[in-house]
Amino acid sequence: FLILLVWNIAVVNHILKAALAMTNPLSLGITLAYIFGGSAFVR
């Protein structure tokens, strides 16, 4: 499960980094907000 989660984070970060034309540290923060914010929102 952890491997799947890390893979998902890497892919979403890759997509958002390209879409938003951001650097890696900033895009990773956006990625984590996107992924974990969605779960928190649904809950």
All heavy atoms as atom14 arrays in JSON, in Angstrom:
{
  "sequence": "FLILLVWNIAVVNHILKAALAMTNPLSLGITLAYIFGGSAFVR",
  "atom14_mask": [
    [1, 1, 1, 1, 1, 1, 1, 1, 1, 1, 1, 0, 0, 0],
    [1, 1, 1, 1, 1, 1, 1, 1, 0, 0, 0, 0, 0, 0],
    [1, 1, 1, 1, 1, 1, 1, 1, 0, 0, 0, 0, 0, 0],
    [1, 1, 1, 1, 1, 1, 1, 1, 0, 0, 0, 0, 0, 0],
    [1, 1, 1, 1, 1, 1, 1, 1, 0, 0, 0, 0, 0, 0],
    [1, 1, 1, 1, 1, 1, 1, 0, 0, 0, 0, 0, 0, 0],
    [1, 1, 1, 1, 1, 1, 1, 1, 1, 1, 1, 1, 1, 1],
    [1, 1, 1, 1, 1, 1, 1, 1, 0, 0, 0, 0, 0, 0],
    [1, 1, 1, 1, 1, 1, 1, 1, 0, 0, 0, 0, 0, 0],
    [1, 1, 1, 1, 1, 0, 0, 0, 0, 0, 0, 0, 0, 0],
    [1, 1, 1, 1, 1, 1, 1, 0, 0, 0, 0, 0, 0, 0],
    [1, 1, 1, 1, 1, 1, 1, 0, 0, 0, 0, 0, 0, 0],
    [1, 1, 1, 1, 1, 1, 1, 1, 0, 0, 0, 0, 0, 0],
    [1, 1, 1, 1, 1, 1, 1, 1, 1, 1, 0, 0, 0, 0],
    [1, 1, 1, 1, 1, 1, 1, 1, 0, 0, 0, 0, 0, 0],
    [1, 1, 1, 1, 1, 1, 1, 1, 0, 0, 0, 0, 0, 0],
    [1, 1, 1, 1, 1, 1, 1, 1, 1, 0, 0, 0, 0, 0],
    [1, 1, 1, 1, 1, 0, 0, 0, 0, 0, 0, 0, 0, 0],
    [1, 1, 1, 1, 1, 0, 0, 0, 0, 0, 0, 0, 0, 0],
    [1, 1, 1, 1, 1, 1, 1, 1, 0, 0, 0, 0, 0, 0],
    [1, 1, 1, 1, 1, 0, 0, 0, 0, 0, 0, 0, 0, 0],
    [1, 1, 1, 1, 1, 1, 1, 1, 0, 0, 0, 0, 0, 0],
    [1, 1, 1, 1, 1, 1, 1, 0, 0, 0, 0, 0, 0, 0],
    [1, 1, 1, 1, 1, 1, 1, 1, 0, 0, 0, 0, 0, 0],
    [1, 1, 1, 1, 1, 1, 1, 0, 0, 0, 0, 0, 0, 0],
    [1, 1, 1, 1, 1, 1, 1, 1, 0, 0, 0, 0, 0, 0],
    [1, 1, 1, 1, 1, 1, 0, 0, 0, 0, 0, 0, 0, 0],
    [1, 1, 1, 1, 1, 1, 1, 1, 0, 0, 0, 0, 0, 0],
    [1, 1, 1, 1, 0, 0, 0, 0, 0, 0, 0, 0, 0, 0],
    [1, 1, 1, 1, 1, 1, 1, 1, 0, 0, 0, 0, 0, 0],
    [1, 1, 1, 1, 1, 1, 1, 0, 0, 0, 0, 0, 0, 0],
    [1, 1, 1, 1, 1, 1, 1, 1, 0, 0, 0, 0, 0, 0],
    [1, 1, 1, 1, 1, 0, 0, 0, 0, 0, 0, 0, 0, 0],
    [1, 1, 1, 1, 1, 1, 1, 1, 1, 1, 1, 1, 0, 0],
    [1, 1, 1, 1, 1, 1, 1, 1, 0, 0, 0, 0, 0, 0],
    [1, 1, 1, 1, 1, 1, 1, 1, 1, 1, 1, 0, 0, 0],
    [1, 1, 1, 1, 0, 0, 0, 0, 0, 0, 0, 0, 0, 0],
    [1, 1, 1, 1, 0, 0, 0, 0, 0, 0, 0, 0, 0, 0],
    [1, 1, 1, 1, 1, 1, 0, 0, 0, 0, 0, 0, 0, 0],
    [1, 1, 1, 1, 1, 0, 0, 0, 0, 0, 0, 0, 0, 0],
    [1, 1, 1, 1, 1, 1, 1, 1, 1, 1, 1, 0, 0, 0],
    [1, 1, 1, 1, 1, 1, 1, 0, 0, 0, 0, 0, 0, 0],
    [1, 1, 1, 1, 1, 1, 1, 1, 1, 1, 1, 0, 0, 0]
  ],
  "atom14_positions": [
    [[0.84, -1.2, 0.0], [0.0, 0.0, 0.0], [0.87, 1.25, 0.0], [0.6, 2.21, -0.72], [-0.94, 0.0, 1.21], [-1.82, 1.21, 1.26], [-2.94, 1.31, 0.46], [-1.52, 2.27, 2.11], [-3.74, 2.44, 0.49], [-2.31, 3.39, 2.15], [-3.44, 3.48, 1.34], [0.0, 0.0, 0.0], [0.0, 0.0, 0.0], [0.0, 0.0, 0.0]],
    [[1.94, 1.25, 0.79], [2.85, 2.39, 0.84], [3.5, 2.64, -0.52], [3.62, 3.78, -0.97], [3.91, 2.17, 1.93], [4.93, 3.3, 2.09], [4.24, 4.6, 2.5], [6.0, 2.9, 3.1], [0.0, 0.0, 0.0], [0.0, 0.0, 0.0], [0.0, 0.0, 0.0], [0.0, 0.0, 0.0], [0.0, 0.0, 0.0], [0.0, 0.0, 0.0]],
    [[3.91, 1.58, -1.19], [4.52, 1.71, -2.52], [3.52, 2.31, -3.5], [3.86, 3.21, -4.27], [5.05, 0.35, -3.02], [6.27, -0.06, -2.19], [5.38, 0.39, -4.51], [6.7, -1.5, -2.38], [0.0, 0.0, 0.0], [0.0, 0.0, 0.0], [0.0, 0.0, 0.0], [0.0, 0.0, 0.0], [0.0, 0.0, 0.0], [0.0, 0.0, 0.0]],
    [[2.28, 1.85, -3.46], [1.24, 2.41, -4.34], [1.0, 3.88, -4.02], [0.83, 4.7, -4.93], [-0.07, 1.62, -4.2], [-0.1, 0.24, -4.83], [-1.35, -0.52, -4.37], [-0.03, 0.32, -6.34], [0.0, 0.0, 0.0], [0.0, 0.0, 0.0], [0.0, 0.0, 0.0], [0.0, 0.0, 0.0], [0.0, 0.0, 0.0], [0.0, 0.0, 0.0]],
    [[0.99, 4.23, -2.75], [0.78, 5.62, -2.35], [1.93, 6.51, -2.84], [1.69, 7.6, -3.39], [0.64, 5.73, -0.83], [0.46, 7.13, -0.27], [-0.84, 7.75, -0.78], [0.46, 7.1, 1.25], [0.0, 0.0, 0.0], [0.0, 0.0, 0.0], [0.0, 0.0, 0.0], [0.0, 0.0, 0.0], [0.0, 0.0, 0.0], [0.0, 0.0, 0.0]],
    [[3.16, 6.06, -2.67], [4.31, 6.85, -3.13], [4.29, 6.99, -4.65], [4.56, 8.08, -5.18], [5.64, 6.21, -2.63], [6.84, 6.85, -3.3], [5.74, 6.33, -1.12], [0.0, 0.0, 0.0], [0.0, 0.0, 0.0], [0.0, 0.0, 0.0], [0.0, 0.0, 0.0], [0.0, 0.0, 0.0], [0.0, 0.0, 0.0], [0.0, 0.0, 0.0]],
    [[3.93, 5.93, -5.35], [3.82, 5.99, -6.81], [2.76, 7.02, -7.21], [2.98, 7.85, -8.08], [3.5, 4.61, -7.36], [3.37, 4.51, -8.86], [3.99, 5.28, -9.8], [2.57, 3.57, -9.58], [3.62, 4.88, -11.06], [2.76, 3.83, -10.96], [1.72, 2.54, -9.19], [2.12, 3.09, -11.95], [1.1, 1.8, -10.19], [1.29, 2.07, -11.54]],
    [[1.62, 6.98, -6.55], [0.54, 7.93, -6.85], [1.0, 9.36, -6.59], [0.75, 10.25, -7.41], [-0.71, 7.6, -6.02], [-1.88, 8.46, -6.41], [-2.27, 8.52, -7.57], [-2.43, 9.16, -5.44], [0.0, 0.0, 0.0], [0.0, 0.0, 0.0], [0.0, 0.0, 0.0], [0.0, 0.0, 0.0], [0.0, 0.0, 0.0], [0.0, 0.0, 0.0]],
    [[1.67, 9.6, -5.48], [2.15, 10.95, -5.17], [3.15, 11.4, -6.24], [3.09, 12.55, -6.7], [2.78, 11.0, -3.75], [1.69, 10.85, -2.69], [3.56, 12.29, -3.55], [2.21, 10.63, -1.28], [0.0, 0.0, 0.0], [0.0, 0.0, 0.0], [0.0, 0.0, 0.0], [0.0, 0.0, 0.0], [0.0, 0.0, 0.0], [0.0, 0.0, 0.0]],
    [[4.05, 10.52, -6.65], [5.03, 10.88, -7.67], [4.36, 11.24, -8.99], [4.73, 12.22, -9.64], [6.02, 9.73, -7.88], [0.0, 0.0, 0.0], [0.0, 0.0, 0.0], [0.0, 0.0, 0.0], [0.0, 0.0, 0.0], [0.0, 0.0, 0.0], [0.0, 0.0, 0.0], [0.0, 0.0, 0.0], [0.0, 0.0, 0.0], [0.0, 0.0, 0.0]],
    [[3.35, 10.47, -9.38], [2.66, 10.72, -10.65], [1.87, 12.02, -10.58], [1.93, 12.85, -11.5], [1.77, 9.52, -11.04], [0.86, 9.86, -12.21], [2.64, 8.31, -11.36], [0.0, 0.0, 0.0], [0.0, 0.0, 0.0], [0.0, 0.0, 0.0], [0.0, 0.0, 0.0], [0.0, 0.0, 0.0], [0.0, 0.0, 0.0], [0.0, 0.0, 0.0]],
    [[1.11, 12.22, -9.5], [0.32, 13.45, -9.37], [1.26, 14.66, -9.33], [0.99, 15.69, -9.97], [-0.59, 13.41, -8.12], [-1.23, 14.76, -7.86], [-1.67, 12.34, -8.31], [0.0, 0.0, 0.0], [0.0, 0.0, 0.0], [0.0, 0.0, 0.0], [0.0, 0.0, 0.0], [0.0, 0.0, 0.0], [0.0, 0.0, 0.0], [0.0, 0.0, 0.0]],
    [[2.37, 14.54, -8.63], [3.34, 15.63, -8.58], [3.89, 15.93, -9.98], [4.02, 17.09, -10.37], [4.49, 15.3, -7.62], [5.45, 16.45, -7.47], [5.07, 17.54, -7.08], [6.7, 16.2, -7.82], [0.0, 0.0, 0.0], [0.0, 0.0, 0.0], [0.0, 0.0, 0.0], [0.0, 0.0, 0.0], [0.0, 0.0, 0.0], [0.0, 0.0, 0.0]],
    [[4.19, 14.9, -10.72], [4.7, 15.05, -12.09], [3.69, 15.8, -12.96], [4.06, 16.7, -13.7], [5.0, 13.65, -12.66], [5.44, 13.64, -14.07], [6.69, 14.05, -14.46], [4.79, 13.25, -15.2], [6.79, 13.92, -15.78], [5.65, 13.44, -16.24], [0.0, 0.0, 0.0], [0.0, 0.0, 0.0], [0.0, 0.0, 0.0], [0.0, 0.0, 0.0]],
    [[2.43, 15.43, -12.84], [1.38, 16.07, -13.64], [1.17, 17.52, -13.22], [1.13, 18.42, -14.05], [0.06, 15.26, -13.55], [0.23, 13.9, -14.22], [-1.1, 16.04, -14.17], [-0.89, 12.92, -13.92], [0.0, 0.0, 0.0], [0.0, 0.0, 0.0], [0.0, 0.0, 0.0], [0.0, 0.0, 0.0], [0.0, 0.0, 0.0], [0.0, 0.0, 0.0]],
    [[1.04, 17.75, -11.92], [0.8, 19.12, -11.44], [2.01, 20.02, -11.68], [1.84, 21.21, -12.0], [0.42, 19.11, -9.96], [-0.96, 18.52, -9.65], [-1.21, 18.49, -8.14], [-2.06, 19.27, -10.37], [0.0, 0.0, 0.0], [0.0, 0.0, 0.0], [0.0, 0.0, 0.0], [0.0, 0.0, 0.0], [0.0, 0.0, 0.0], [0.0, 0.0, 0.0]],
    [[3.2, 19.48, -11.56], [4.4, 20.27, -11.82], [4.39, 20.77, -13.27], [4.69, 21.94, -13.53], [5.64, 19.41, -11.55], [6.94, 20.13, -11.77], [8.1, 19.18, -11.46], [9.42, 19.81, -11.84], [10.53, 18.9, -11.65], [0.0, 0.0, 0.0], [0.0, 0.0, 0.0], [0.0, 0.0, 0.0], [0.0, 0.0, 0.0], [0.0, 0.0, 0.0]],
    [[4.03, 19.9, -14.2], [3.98, 20.29, -15.61], [2.81, 21.24, -15.88], [2.97, 22.26, -16.55], [3.85, 19.05, -16.5], [0.0, 0.0, 0.0], [0.0, 0.0, 0.0], [0.0, 0.0, 0.0], [0.0, 0.0, 0.0], [0.0, 0.0, 0.0], [0.0, 0.0, 0.0], [0.0, 0.0, 0.0], [0.0, 0.0, 0.0], [0.0, 0.0, 0.0]],
    [[1.65, 20.92, -15.33], [0.45, 21.73, -15.59], [0.57, 23.13, -15.03], [0.14, 24.11, -15.66], [-0.78, 21.04, -15.01], [0.0, 0.0, 0.0], [0.0, 0.0, 0.0], [0.0, 0.0, 0.0], [0.0, 0.0, 0.0], [0.0, 0.0, 0.0], [0.0, 0.0, 0.0], [0.0, 0.0, 0.0], [0.0, 0.0, 0.0], [0.0, 0.0, 0.0]],
    [[1.16, 23.24, -13.85], [1.25, 24.53, -13.17], [2.6, 25.22, -13.39], [2.79, 26.33, -12.9], [1.03, 24.34, -11.66], [-0.35, 23.78, -11.28], [-0.37, 23.38, -9.81], [-1.44, 24.78, -11.6], [0.0, 0.0, 0.0], [0.0, 0.0, 0.0], [0.0, 0.0, 0.0], [0.0, 0.0, 0.0], [0.0, 0.0, 0.0], [0.0, 0.0, 0.0]],
    [[3.5, 24.58, -14.13], [4.82, 25.13, -14.41], [5.51, 25.59, -13.12], [5.86, 26.74, -12.95], [4.75, 26.27, -15.43], [0.0, 0.0, 0.0], [0.0, 0.0, 0.0], [0.0, 0.0, 0.0], [0.0, 0.0, 0.0], [0.0, 0.0, 0.0], [0.0, 0.0, 0.0], [0.0, 0.0, 0.0], [0.0, 0.0, 0.0], [0.0, 0.0, 0.0]],
    [[5.66, 24.62, -12.2], [6.24, 24.92, -10.89], [7.52, 24.15, -10.67], [7.77, 23.14, -11.33], [5.25, 24.52, -9.79], [3.98, 25.29, -9.78], [2.99, 24.77, -8.37], [2.45, 26.36, -7.81], [0.0, 0.0, 0.0], [0.0, 0.0, 0.0], [0.0, 0.0, 0.0], [0.0, 0.0, 0.0], [0.0, 0.0, 0.0], [0.0, 0.0, 0.0]],
    [[8.27, 24.58, -9.67], [9.45, 23.85, -9.26], [9.04, 22.69, -8.36], [7.94, 22.68, -7.81], [10.43, 24.77, -8.5], [9.76, 25.26, -7.33], [10.89, 25.92, -9.36], [0.0, 0.0, 0.0], [0.0, 0.0, 0.0], [0.0, 0.0, 0.0], [0.0, 0.0, 0.0], [0.0, 0.0, 0.0], [0.0, 0.0, 0.0], [0.0, 0.0, 0.0]],
    [[9.95, 21.75, -8.19], [9.63, 20.54, -7.45], [9.17, 20.76, -6.01], [8.14, 20.21, -5.63], [10.81, 19.57, -7.49], [10.37, 18.17, -7.83], [9.22, 17.93, -8.16], [11.3, 17.25, -7.77], [0.0, 0.0, 0.0], [0.0, 0.0, 0.0], [0.0, 0.0, 0.0], [0.0, 0.0, 0.0], [0.0, 0.0, 0.0], [0.0, 0.0, 0.0]],
    [[9.86, 21.51, -5.17], [9.39, 21.64, -3.78], [7.98, 22.23, -3.69], [7.15, 21.76, -2.91], [10.41, 22.56, -3.12], [11.63, 22.45, -3.96], [11.15, 22.19, -5.36], [0.0, 0.0, 0.0], [0.0, 0.0, 0.0], [0.0, 0.0, 0.0], [0.0, 0.0, 0.0], [0.0, 0.0, 0.0], [0.0, 0.0, 0.0], [0.0, 0.0, 0.0]],
    [[7.71, 23.25, -4.48], [6.39, 23.87, -4.44], [5.32, 22.93, -5.0], [4.24, 22.8, -4.43], [6.4, 25.19, -5.21], [5.15, 26.05, -5.12], [4.79, 26.35, -3.66], [5.35, 27.35, -5.87], [0.0, 0.0, 0.0], [0.0, 0.0, 0.0], [0.0, 0.0, 0.0], [0.0, 0.0, 0.0], [0.0, 0.0, 0.0], [0.0, 0.0, 0.0]],
    [[5.64, 22.25, -6.08], [4.66, 21.33, -6.67], [4.38, 20.16, -5.73], [3.25, 19.67, -5.67], [5.12, 20.82, -8.04], [6.23, 19.96, -7.92], [0.0, 0.0, 0.0], [0.0, 0.0, 0.0], [0.0, 0.0, 0.0], [0.0, 0.0, 0.0], [0.0, 0.0, 0.0], [0.0, 0.0, 0.0], [0.0, 0.0, 0.0], [0.0, 0.0, 0.0]],
    [[5.36, 19.73, -4.97], [5.13, 18.63, -4.02], [4.17, 19.07, -2.92], [3.28, 18.31, -2.53], [6.45, 18.15, -3.42], [6.34, 16.96, -2.48], [5.67, 15.76, -3.16], [7.72, 16.57, -1.95], [0.0, 0.0, 0.0], [0.0, 0.0, 0.0], [0.0, 0.0, 0.0], [0.0, 0.0, 0.0], [0.0, 0.0, 0.0], [0.0, 0.0, 0.0]],
    [[4.31, 20.3, -2.44], [3.35, 20.82, -1.46], [1.94, 20.89, -2.02], [0.97, 20.51, -1.35], [0.0, 0.0, 0.0], [0.0, 0.0, 0.0], [0.0, 0.0, 0.0], [0.0, 0.0, 0.0], [0.0, 0.0, 0.0], [0.0, 0.0, 0.0], [0.0, 0.0, 0.0], [0.0, 0.0, 0.0], [0.0, 0.0, 0.0], [0.0, 0.0, 0.0]],
    [[1.81, 21.35, -3.25], [0.5, 21.41, -3.92], [-0.06, 20.0, -4.09], [-1.24, 19.75, -3.88], [0.62, 22.13, -5.28], [1.09, 23.57, -5.11], [-0.67, 22.05, -6.08], [0.11, 24.47, -4.41], [0.0, 0.0, 0.0], [0.0, 0.0, 0.0], [0.0, 0.0, 0.0], [0.0, 0.0, 0.0], [0.0, 0.0, 0.0], [0.0, 0.0, 0.0]],
    [[0.82, 19.07, -4.47], [0.4, 17.67, -4.66], [-0.15, 17.08, -3.38], [-1.2, 16.44, -3.37], [1.59, 16.83, -5.17], [1.98, 17.33, -6.45], [1.23, 15.36, -5.27], [0.0, 0.0, 0.0], [0.0, 0.0, 0.0], [0.0, 0.0, 0.0], [0.0, 0.0, 0.0], [0.0, 0.0, 0.0], [0.0, 0.0, 0.0], [0.0, 0.0, 0.0]],
    [[0.55, 17.28, -2.28], [0.09, 16.73, -1.0], [-1.21, 17.37, -0.56], [-2.11, 16.68, -0.03], [1.19, 16.89, 0.06], [2.47, 16.08, -0.22], [3.54, 16.4, 0.81], [2.18, 14.59, -0.29], [0.0, 0.0, 0.0], [0.0, 0.0, 0.0], [0.0, 0.0, 0.0], [0.0, 0.0, 0.0], [0.0, 0.0, 0.0], [0.0, 0.0, 0.0]],
    [[-1.37, 18.67, -0.8], [-2.64, 19.34, -0.49], [-3.76, 18.77, -1.35], [-4.88, 18.56, -0.87], [-2.5, 20.85, -0.7], [0.0, 0.0, 0.0], [0.0, 0.0, 0.0], [0.0, 0.0, 0.0], [0.0, 0.0, 0.0], [0.0, 0.0, 0.0], [0.0, 0.0, 0.0], [0.0, 0.0, 0.0], [0.0, 0.0, 0.0], [0.0, 0.0, 0.0]],
    [[-3.46, 18.51, -2.6], [-4.45, 17.94, -3.53], [-4.9, 16.55, -3.07], [-6.09, 16.28, -2.94], [-3.83, 17.89, -4.94], [-4.64, 17.17, -5.99], [-5.64, 17.82, -6.69], [-4.37, 15.84, -6.31], [-6.37, 17.17, -7.67], [-5.09, 15.19, -7.29], [-6.09, 15.85, -7.97], [-6.81, 15.21, -8.95], [0.0, 0.0, 0.0], [0.0, 0.0, 0.0]],
    [[-3.93, 15.68, -2.8], [-4.25, 14.29, -2.45], [-4.89, 14.19, -1.06], [-5.97, 13.63, -0.9], [-3.0, 13.41, -2.54], [-2.56, 13.28, -4.0], [-3.25, 12.02, -1.93], [-1.23, 12.59, -4.2], [0.0, 0.0, 0.0], [0.0, 0.0, 0.0], [0.0, 0.0, 0.0], [0.0, 0.0, 0.0], [0.0, 0.0, 0.0], [0.0, 0.0, 0.0]],
    [[-4.21, 14.71, -0.05], [-4.7, 14.53, 1.31], [-5.84, 15.5, 1.63], [-6.7, 15.19, 2.46], [-3.55, 14.64, 2.31], [-2.55, 13.53, 2.13], [-1.27, 13.79, 1.65], [-2.9, 12.22, 2.39], [-0.36, 12.76, 1.45], [-2.0, 11.18, 2.19], [-0.72, 11.46, 1.72], [0.0, 0.0, 0.0], [0.0, 0.0, 0.0], [0.0, 0.0, 0.0]],
    [[-5.86, 16.64, 0.98], [-6.99, 17.56, 1.13], [-8.28, 16.96, 0.61], [-9.35, 17.15, 1.19], [0.0, 0.0, 0.0], [0.0, 0.0, 0.0], [0.0, 0.0, 0.0], [0.0, 0.0, 0.0], [0.0, 0.0, 0.0], [0.0, 0.0, 0.0], [0.0, 0.0, 0.0], [0.0, 0.0, 0.0], [0.0, 0.0, 0.0], [0.0, 0.0, 0.0]],
    [[-8.17, 16.21, -0.49], [-9.35, 15.54, -1.04], [-9.92, 14.53, -0.06], [-11.14, 14.48, 0.16], [0.0, 0.0, 0.0], [0.0, 0.0, 0.0], [0.0, 0.0, 0.0], [0.0, 0.0, 0.0], [0.0, 0.0, 0.0], [0.0, 0.0, 0.0], [0.0, 0.0, 0.0], [0.0, 0.0, 0.0], [0.0, 0.0, 0.0], [0.0, 0.0, 0.0]],
    [[-9.05, 13.74, 0.55], [-9.51, 12.75, 1.54], [-10.15, 13.45, 2.74], [-11.2, 13.03, 3.23], [-8.34, 11.89, 2.02], [-7.84, 11.14, 0.96], [0.0, 0.0, 0.0], [0.0, 0.0, 0.0], [0.0, 0.0, 0.0], [0.0, 0.0, 0.0], [0.0, 0.0, 0.0], [0.0, 0.0, 0.0], [0.0, 0.0, 0.0], [0.0, 0.0, 0.0]],
    [[-9.52, 14.51, 3.21], [-10.07, 15.25, 4.36], [-11.41, 15.88, 4.0], [-12.35, 15.86, 4.81], [-9.08, 16.33, 4.81], [0.0, 0.0, 0.0], [0.0, 0.0, 0.0], [0.0, 0.0, 0.0], [0.0, 0.0, 0.0], [0.0, 0.0, 0.0], [0.0, 0.0, 0.0], [0.0, 0.0, 0.0], [0.0, 0.0, 0.0], [0.0, 0.0, 0.0]],
    [[-11.51, 16.43, 2.8], [-12.76, 17.03, 2.35], [-13.9, 16.01, 2.32], [-15.0, 16.27, 2.84], [-12.57, 17.67, 0.96], [-13.83, 18.2, 0.35], [-14.35, 19.41, 0.78], [-14.47, 17.5, -0.65], [-15.53, 19.92, 0.22], [-15.64, 17.99, -1.22], [-16.17, 19.21, -0.79], [0.0, 0.0, 0.0], [0.0, 0.0, 0.0], [0.0, 0.0, 0.0]],
    [[-13.63, 14.85, 1.76], [-14.66, 13.8, 1.67], [-15.08, 13.36, 3.06], [-16.27, 13.23, 3.35], [-14.17, 12.61, 0.83], [-15.11, 11.42, 0.96], [-14.01, 13.01, -0.63], [0.0, 0.0, 0.0], [0.0, 0.0, 0.0], [0.0, 0.0, 0.0], [0.0, 0.0, 0.0], [0.0, 0.0, 0.0], [0.0, 0.0, 0.0], [0.0, 0.0, 0.0]],
    [[-14.11, 13.16, 3.96], [-14.45, 12.75, 5.34], [-15.26, 13.83, 6.05], [-16.2, 13.53, 6.78], [-13.17, 12.44, 6.11], [-12.75, 11.01, 5.95], [-11.63, 10.64, 6.89], [-10.53, 10.2, 6.03], [-9.35, 10.76, 5.97], [-9.04, 11.76, 6.74], [-8.44, 10.32, 5.15], [0.0, 0.0, 0.0], [0.0, 0.0, 0.0], [0.0, 0.0, 0.0]]
  ]
}
